[in-house]
Amino acid sequence: MTYILRSVLSLLAISLLSGCWDNKDINKRILPVAMAISQTDAKTYKVGLRVPQPNSSNTTPRILTGEASTISEALDRIRGNVESNIDLLHLKLLMIDEKTAKLGIKEVLEYAIRSHDIAPKSLVSVYRGDFIEMLNKKEQGGAEGGTASYDYFNKLAGWTPNTSIVYLWEAFRGGFSHTEDYALPIIKSGDRTMFKIDGSAIMSRGVMVGTISSDDTLIYNVMKGDFQGANVEVMEHSTVLIIDVDFKHRHHWDGDTPHVETDMKVVGMLLETKGNPRKEQIKEELTKLLNKRANAMLAKLQENQSDLFGYGQYFRNDLSHDQLKKWREFWYPRLKITLKVKVNIRNSGNLKFNTIDS
């Protein structure tokens, strides 16, 4: 029995050792942190990789580029011209040219998911500006390891609710959904910062159909539940930090017209005030401001036939598969949305002087 056990253990050890034959030394691998993709007029893809140089005194990253009829072929051409293996599993940010986004990014996302080379939790964005300039931007503020392009969208680093966050798997899923769209952040090269946010791109079936401003992106994130650190300036009287948001949705049909009623409860904390406004005054102004911004954005989204908030999800059980395919074109423009906002203001000591009525 002991002999058999030793034999099994020996065979297991040999099999484990044989599985390491294709491993490559870390010093022989190139680890890009960002990839830029642009579709040219000749219907070819231009691909660029941003490779940090953390052990070099030169803060300018190494840029690798290739061009071909497909993304995989462009990457193969890059691999053929470098001295080390290119490992895309450490890629943090996928940047897609705005022109390409307007043509459609399904092919880009399908490659990224099906190749298994890029992590599904990589972030996706749309960029405006020069291809090389976006990749060649120097790290700002002494960022180490070339992580600045990722930290810009990291909730534990530089992210703010005025910036949308979409992971690769979410963008891929959204490209095939009949009832739910998403918003990609639009970035461009900053003057004194690495990036500058320029609103968000509304993506419907993988095609950019419009844009929303940074203020609208804040409302979008708040209504999605991503409101950590959301500051709202209420007219000229105060600034309120949103600390909690709760939603209740009710849906029904009135003949052929779908209806959604949303109760939105917002809890805010005062950060600063000007003058001596009353608490009820601030609550009223914040309620009107949130209502105005949200309703204006919803009207714009219906005009663009983009269901950014996924209202179609509530009616999936009421519609056939063929009807769901027509949700954006036929049912969504008819949708009646009633949004009721209720605000509760807290003042728990962030102000040095309490000027608000209790």
Protein backbone atom coordinates (compact mmCIF):
# COMPACT_ATOMS: atom_id res chain seq x y z
CA MET A 1 0.00 0.00 0.00
CA THR A 2 2.86 2.34 0.87
CA TYR A 3 4.54 1.53 -2.46
CA ILE A 4 1.38 2.37 -4.42
CA LEU A 5 0.97 5.66 -2.54
CA ARG A 6 4.56 6.66 -3.28
CA SER A 7 4.08 5.83 -6.96
CA VAL A 8 0.96 7.98 -7.19
CA LEU A 9 2.68 10.91 -5.49
CA SER A 10 5.68 10.59 -7.80
CA LEU A 11 3.48 10.61 -10.91
CA LEU A 12 1.56 13.62 -9.57
CA ALA A 13 4.78 15.54 -8.97
CA ILE A 14 6.02 14.74 -12.49
CA SER A 15 2.73 15.88 -14.04
CA LEU A 16 2.87 19.18 -12.12
CA LEU A 17 6.44 19.82 -13.23
CA SER A 18 5.62 19.08 -16.87
CA GLY A 19 2.91 21.79 -16.83
CA CYS A 20 5.46 24.59 -16.44
CA TRP A 21 7.28 24.10 -19.74
CA ASP A 22 5.72 27.19 -21.37
CA ASN A 23 6.17 29.62 -18.48
CA LYS A 24 8.08 32.78 -19.29
CA ASP A 25 10.28 34.70 -16.92
CA ILE A 26 8.80 37.98 -15.66
CA ASN A 27 11.82 39.82 -17.09
CA LYS A 28 10.97 38.44 -20.53
CA ARG A 29 7.42 39.76 -20.54
CA ILE A 30 6.03 43.14 -21.58
CA LEU A 31 3.10 44.22 -19.39
CA PRO A 32 1.00 46.98 -21.02
CA VAL A 33 -1.38 48.88 -18.73
CA ALA A 34 -3.43 50.60 -21.46
CA MET A 35 -4.48 49.85 -25.02
CA ALA A 36 -5.79 52.33 -27.60
CA ILE A 37 -7.76 51.18 -30.64
CA SER A 38 -8.68 53.25 -33.68
CA GLN A 39 -10.38 52.23 -36.91
CA THR A 40 -8.87 53.97 -39.93
CA ASP A 41 -10.59 55.10 -43.13
CA ALA A 42 -9.15 52.03 -44.88
CA LYS A 43 -11.23 49.83 -42.54
CA THR A 44 -8.16 48.65 -40.71
CA TYR A 45 -7.45 48.73 -36.99
CA LYS A 46 -4.62 50.69 -35.45
CA VAL A 47 -3.63 49.30 -32.05
CA GLY A 48 -1.34 50.94 -29.52
CA LEU A 49 0.00 49.68 -26.19
CA ARG A 50 1.22 51.80 -23.29
CA VAL A 51 4.04 50.06 -21.44
CA PRO A 52 5.31 51.74 -18.23
CA GLN A 53 9.00 51.83 -17.38
CA PRO A 54 8.99 51.77 -13.56
CA ASN A 55 12.69 50.96 -13.24
CA SER A 56 13.78 53.77 -15.53
CA SER A 57 14.46 57.40 -14.71
CA ASN A 58 12.56 58.25 -17.89
CA THR A 59 8.89 58.85 -17.00
CA THR A 60 7.81 58.66 -20.66
CA PRO A 61 6.17 55.26 -21.27
CA ARG A 62 7.14 52.91 -24.06
CA ILE A 63 4.62 52.96 -26.91
CA LEU A 64 4.12 49.96 -29.22
CA THR A 65 1.88 50.24 -32.27
CA GLY A 66 0.62 48.01 -35.06
CA GLU A 67 -1.91 48.23 -37.87
CA ALA A 68 -3.82 45.49 -39.69
CA SER A 69 -7.28 44.46 -40.89
CA THR A 70 -8.04 42.84 -37.52
CA ILE A 71 -7.05 43.60 -33.93
CA SER A 72 -5.45 40.20 -33.39
CA GLU A 73 -3.32 40.58 -36.51
CA ALA A 74 -2.21 44.07 -35.44
CA LEU A 75 -1.13 42.64 -32.07
CA ASP A 76 0.73 39.81 -33.80
CA ARG A 77 2.66 42.39 -35.81
CA ILE A 78 3.58 44.18 -32.59
CA ARG A 79 4.71 40.88 -31.04
CA GLY A 80 6.88 40.18 -34.06
CA ASN A 81 8.82 43.42 -33.54
CA VAL A 82 9.60 43.20 -29.82
CA GLU A 83 12.15 41.20 -27.87
CA SER A 84 9.79 39.89 -25.14
CA ASN A 85 6.38 38.28 -24.83
CA ILE A 86 3.43 40.68 -24.61
CA ASP A 87 1.12 39.79 -21.71
CA LEU A 88 -2.28 41.55 -21.89
CA LEU A 89 -3.69 40.02 -18.70
CA HIS A 90 -2.39 43.03 -16.76
CA LEU A 91 -4.16 45.51 -19.05
CA LYS A 92 -6.19 48.00 -16.98
CA LEU A 93 -7.69 50.40 -19.50
CA LEU A 94 -9.07 49.93 -23.02
CA MET A 95 -9.38 53.25 -24.89
CA ILE A 96 -11.48 53.36 -28.08
CA ASP A 97 -11.37 56.24 -30.55
CA GLU A 98 -14.57 58.32 -30.70
CA LYS A 99 -14.88 57.84 -34.45
CA THR A 100 -14.63 54.08 -33.96
CA ALA A 101 -17.24 54.23 -31.17
CA LYS A 102 -19.69 55.94 -33.54
CA LEU A 103 -19.14 53.18 -36.11
CA GLY A 104 -19.61 50.48 -33.50
CA ILE A 105 -17.37 48.65 -31.02
CA LYS A 106 -18.88 45.16 -31.09
CA GLU A 107 -15.92 43.72 -33.00
CA VAL A 108 -13.50 45.28 -30.50
CA LEU A 109 -15.38 43.88 -27.51
CA GLU A 110 -15.85 40.46 -29.09
CA TYR A 111 -12.11 40.18 -29.67
CA ALA A 112 -11.32 41.32 -26.12
CA ILE A 113 -13.68 38.77 -24.54
CA ARG A 114 -13.18 35.78 -26.84
CA SER A 115 -9.40 36.00 -27.03
CA HIS A 116 -9.14 35.51 -23.24
CA ASP A 117 -6.06 37.74 -23.36
CA ILE A 118 -7.66 40.72 -21.61
CA ALA A 119 -9.17 40.57 -18.13
CA PRO A 120 -13.00 41.05 -18.12
CA LYS A 121 -12.59 43.64 -15.32
CA SER A 122 -10.50 45.94 -17.52
CA LEU A 123 -12.07 49.40 -17.85
CA VAL A 124 -13.42 50.70 -21.16
CA SER A 125 -13.44 54.35 -22.30
CA VAL A 126 -13.84 56.53 -25.38
CA TYR A 127 -11.03 58.98 -26.16
CA ARG A 128 -10.90 62.22 -28.09
CA GLY A 129 -7.66 63.43 -29.57
CA ASP A 130 -4.48 62.12 -31.13
CA PHE A 131 -3.80 58.39 -30.91
CA ILE A 132 -0.14 58.66 -29.89
CA GLU A 133 -0.70 61.66 -27.59
CA MET A 134 -3.20 59.69 -25.49
CA LEU A 135 -0.78 56.80 -25.08
CA ASN A 136 2.34 58.91 -24.63
CA LYS A 137 1.06 61.12 -21.82
CA LYS A 138 3.56 61.22 -18.94
CA GLU A 139 2.63 60.06 -15.47
CA GLN A 140 1.57 62.92 -13.25
CA GLY A 141 2.37 63.47 -9.58
CA GLY A 142 5.07 60.85 -9.39
CA ALA A 143 2.76 57.89 -10.05
CA GLU A 144 4.62 54.62 -9.72
CA GLY A 145 4.40 51.58 -11.96
CA GLY A 146 2.42 53.33 -14.69
CA THR A 147 -0.85 53.04 -12.75
CA ALA A 148 -2.09 56.61 -13.32
CA SER A 149 -4.28 55.60 -16.28
CA TYR A 150 -6.08 53.11 -14.02
CA ASP A 151 -6.12 55.19 -10.82
CA TYR A 152 -8.07 57.88 -12.65
CA PHE A 153 -11.08 55.50 -12.61
CA ASN A 154 -10.28 53.70 -9.37
CA LYS A 155 -12.84 54.31 -6.59
CA LEU A 156 -10.03 53.97 -4.05
CA ALA A 157 -7.93 56.58 -5.84
CA GLY A 158 -8.96 59.49 -8.09
CA TRP A 159 -12.50 58.58 -9.18
CA THR A 160 -15.41 60.97 -8.68
CA PRO A 161 -19.12 60.33 -9.44
CA ASN A 162 -18.90 62.71 -12.42
CA THR A 163 -17.08 59.89 -14.22
CA SER A 164 -18.83 56.76 -15.43
CA ILE A 165 -17.20 53.37 -14.88
CA VAL A 166 -17.80 50.46 -17.26
CA TYR A 167 -15.94 47.16 -17.16
CA LEU A 168 -15.21 45.13 -20.27
CA TRP A 169 -17.72 42.40 -19.41
CA GLU A 170 -20.45 45.02 -18.86
CA ALA A 171 -19.77 46.68 -22.21
CA PHE A 172 -19.81 43.30 -23.97
CA ARG A 173 -23.10 42.32 -22.30
CA GLY A 174 -24.67 45.71 -23.09
CA GLY A 175 -23.90 45.33 -26.80
CA PHE A 176 -26.33 42.41 -27.02
CA SER A 177 -29.08 43.67 -24.69
CA HIS A 178 -32.44 44.74 -26.13
CA THR A 179 -33.46 46.71 -23.03
CA GLU A 180 -30.37 48.17 -21.35
CA ASP A 181 -27.62 50.54 -22.51
CA TYR A 182 -24.59 52.04 -20.80
CA ALA A 183 -22.42 55.17 -20.72
CA LEU A 184 -18.67 55.08 -21.40
CA PRO A 185 -16.45 57.87 -20.03
CA ILE A 186 -15.07 60.25 -22.65
CA ILE A 187 -11.47 61.24 -21.97
CA LYS A 188 -8.96 63.51 -23.63
CA SER A 189 -5.42 64.54 -22.84
CA GLY A 190 -5.26 67.00 -19.95
CA ASP A 191 -3.09 70.11 -19.80
CA ARG A 192 -1.82 69.56 -16.25
CA THR A 193 -3.35 66.18 -15.60
CA MET A 194 -3.06 62.91 -17.44
CA PHE A 195 -6.69 62.85 -18.56
CA LYS A 196 -9.58 65.26 -18.68
CA ILE A 197 -13.15 64.00 -18.51
CA ASP A 198 -15.38 65.30 -21.30
CA GLY A 199 -18.71 63.78 -20.30
CA SER A 200 -19.90 60.29 -21.25
CA ALA A 201 -20.76 58.50 -24.47
CA ILE A 202 -24.22 56.93 -24.67
CA MET A 203 -23.76 53.43 -26.08
CA SER A 204 -26.72 51.59 -27.59
CA ARG A 205 -26.15 48.10 -29.05
CA GLY A 206 -22.44 48.86 -29.04
CA VAL A 207 -22.78 52.10 -31.04
CA MET A 208 -22.24 55.63 -29.72
CA VAL A 209 -25.54 57.44 -30.30
CA GLY A 210 -25.01 60.58 -28.21
CA THR A 211 -23.30 62.18 -25.24
CA ILE A 212 -24.16 63.46 -21.77
CA SER A 213 -22.30 66.08 -19.75
CA SER A 214 -20.33 65.47 -16.56
CA ASP A 215 -23.26 66.90 -14.54
CA ASP A 216 -25.62 64.44 -16.23
CA THR A 217 -23.12 61.64 -15.57
CA LEU A 218 -23.34 62.51 -11.87
CA ILE A 219 -27.13 62.07 -12.00
CA TYR A 220 -26.64 58.83 -13.97
CA ASN A 221 -24.28 57.45 -11.32
CA VAL A 222 -26.53 58.57 -8.46
CA MET A 223 -29.53 56.82 -10.02
CA LYS A 224 -27.38 53.72 -10.51
CA GLY A 225 -26.29 53.79 -6.88
CA ASP A 226 -22.68 54.91 -7.51
CA PHE A 227 -22.75 58.10 -5.47
CA GLN A 228 -19.73 57.80 -3.15
CA GLY A 229 -18.33 61.28 -2.72
CA ALA A 230 -21.02 62.95 -4.83
CA ASN A 231 -21.09 66.69 -4.16
CA VAL A 232 -24.04 68.71 -5.44
CA GLU A 233 -23.91 72.49 -5.44
CA VAL A 234 -27.39 73.72 -4.56
CA MET A 235 -27.84 77.02 -6.34
CA GLU A 236 -25.60 79.57 -4.61
CA HIS A 237 -26.53 78.74 -1.04
CA SER A 238 -24.82 75.46 -0.16
CA THR A 239 -22.94 72.33 -1.17
CA VAL A 240 -24.44 68.98 -0.19
CA LEU A 241 -22.66 65.62 0.01
CA ILE A 242 -24.94 62.74 -1.00
CA ILE A 243 -24.48 59.93 1.52
CA ASP A 244 -27.40 57.64 0.71
CA VAL A 245 -29.93 57.07 -2.08
CA ASP A 246 -32.87 54.68 -2.06
CA PHE A 247 -35.20 53.82 -4.96
CA LYS A 248 -38.59 52.23 -5.31
CA HIS A 249 -39.86 51.48 -8.82
CA ARG A 250 -43.41 50.63 -9.84
CA HIS A 251 -44.42 49.81 -13.39
CA HIS A 252 -47.71 49.24 -15.14
CA TRP A 253 -49.42 49.53 -18.53
CA ASP A 254 -52.06 52.01 -19.62
CA GLY A 255 -53.26 50.39 -22.83
CA ASP A 256 -50.17 50.30 -25.07
CA THR A 257 -48.32 52.87 -22.99
CA PRO A 258 -45.76 51.64 -20.42
CA HIS A 259 -45.46 53.61 -17.19
CA VAL A 260 -42.72 53.70 -14.55
CA GLU A 261 -43.10 55.53 -11.25
CA THR A 262 -39.88 56.06 -9.29
CA ASP A 263 -39.61 57.29 -5.71
CA MET A 264 -36.08 58.56 -5.04
CA LYS A 265 -35.08 59.24 -1.43
CA VAL A 266 -31.84 61.18 -1.03
CA VAL A 267 -29.97 61.71 2.22
CA GLY A 268 -27.44 64.55 2.09
CA MET A 269 -24.96 66.13 4.47
CA LEU A 270 -24.16 69.82 4.42
CA LEU A 271 -20.55 70.63 3.60
CA GLU A 272 -20.72 74.41 3.37
CA THR A 273 -23.21 77.26 3.15
CA LYS A 274 -23.27 80.86 1.99
CA GLY A 275 -25.31 83.40 3.86
CA ASN A 276 -27.88 82.06 6.26
CA PRO A 277 -30.22 79.73 4.30
CA ARG A 278 -32.91 77.72 6.02
CA LYS A 279 -32.84 73.95 6.04
CA GLU A 280 -36.18 73.68 4.23
CA GLN A 281 -34.93 76.11 1.59
CA ILE A 282 -31.92 73.91 0.84
CA LYS A 283 -34.11 70.77 0.73
CA GLU A 284 -36.51 72.43 -1.70
CA GLU A 285 -33.74 73.70 -3.97
CA LEU A 286 -31.93 70.35 -4.04
CA THR A 287 -35.18 68.52 -4.80
CA LYS A 288 -35.93 70.85 -7.71
CA LEU A 289 -32.36 70.60 -9.01
CA LEU A 290 -32.28 66.79 -8.98
CA ASN A 291 -35.75 66.62 -10.56
CA LYS A 292 -34.80 69.08 -13.29
CA ARG A 293 -31.52 67.38 -14.20
CA ALA A 294 -32.95 63.86 -14.11
CA ASN A 295 -36.06 64.68 -16.17
CA ALA A 296 -34.03 66.62 -18.75
CA MET A 297 -31.65 63.70 -19.17
CA LEU A 298 -34.47 61.16 -19.40
CA ALA A 299 -36.11 63.23 -22.13
CA LYS A 300 -32.81 63.36 -24.05
CA LEU A 301 -32.31 59.61 -23.69
CA GLN A 302 -35.81 58.86 -25.00
CA GLU A 303 -35.13 61.15 -27.95
CA ASN A 304 -31.95 59.17 -28.68
CA GLN A 305 -33.80 55.87 -28.10
CA SER A 306 -31.23 54.89 -25.50
CA ASP A 307 -32.46 53.11 -22.36
CA LEU A 308 -29.51 54.09 -20.18
CA PHE A 309 -31.34 53.27 -16.94
CA GLY A 310 -32.63 49.90 -18.12
CA TYR A 311 -36.33 50.65 -17.76
CA GLY A 312 -37.04 47.96 -20.31
CA GLN A 313 -35.96 45.38 -17.75
CA TYR A 314 -39.22 45.94 -15.85
CA PHE A 315 -41.32 44.98 -18.88
CA ARG A 316 -39.38 41.91 -20.08
CA ASN A 317 -42.03 39.52 -18.77
CA ASP A 318 -44.80 41.48 -20.48
CA LEU A 319 -43.32 41.45 -23.99
CA SER A 320 -42.47 38.68 -26.41
CA HIS A 321 -38.93 38.25 -27.71
CA ASP A 322 -39.83 39.96 -30.99
CA GLN A 323 -41.41 42.86 -29.09
CA LEU A 324 -38.31 43.20 -26.90
CA LYS A 325 -36.22 43.63 -30.04
CA LYS A 326 -38.35 46.71 -30.82
CA TRP A 327 -38.26 48.10 -27.26
CA ARG A 328 -35.97 51.05 -28.06
CA GLU A 329 -37.67 52.04 -31.30
CA PHE A 330 -41.34 51.45 -30.47
CA TRP A 331 -42.03 51.09 -26.74
CA TYR A 332 -39.33 53.18 -25.08
CA PRO A 333 -40.26 56.50 -26.80
CA ARG A 334 -43.83 55.96 -25.47
CA LEU A 335 -42.66 55.30 -21.90
CA LYS A 336 -44.08 57.69 -19.30
CA ILE A 337 -41.69 58.23 -16.42
CA THR A 338 -42.75 59.84 -13.15
CA LEU A 339 -39.89 60.71 -10.84
CA LYS A 340 -40.54 61.88 -7.28
CA VAL A 341 -37.52 63.07 -5.28
CA LYS A 342 -37.57 63.39 -1.50
CA VAL A 343 -34.53 64.95 0.22
CA ASN A 344 -33.43 64.71 3.82
CA ILE A 345 -30.62 67.06 4.90
CA ARG A 346 -28.32 66.14 7.76
CA ASN A 347 -25.89 68.42 9.54
CA SER A 348 -23.69 66.31 11.76
CA GLY A 349 -20.79 68.61 12.41
CA ASN A 350 -19.11 69.22 9.06
CA LEU A 351 -19.87 72.91 9.52
CA LYS A 352 -17.91 74.94 12.05
CA PHE A 353 -20.90 77.17 12.63
CA ASN A 354 -24.44 75.90 12.55
CA THR A 355 -26.45 78.41 10.51
CA ILE A 356 -29.21 75.98 9.66
CA ASP A 357 -32.51 75.80 11.46
CA SER A 358 -32.87 72.51 13.31
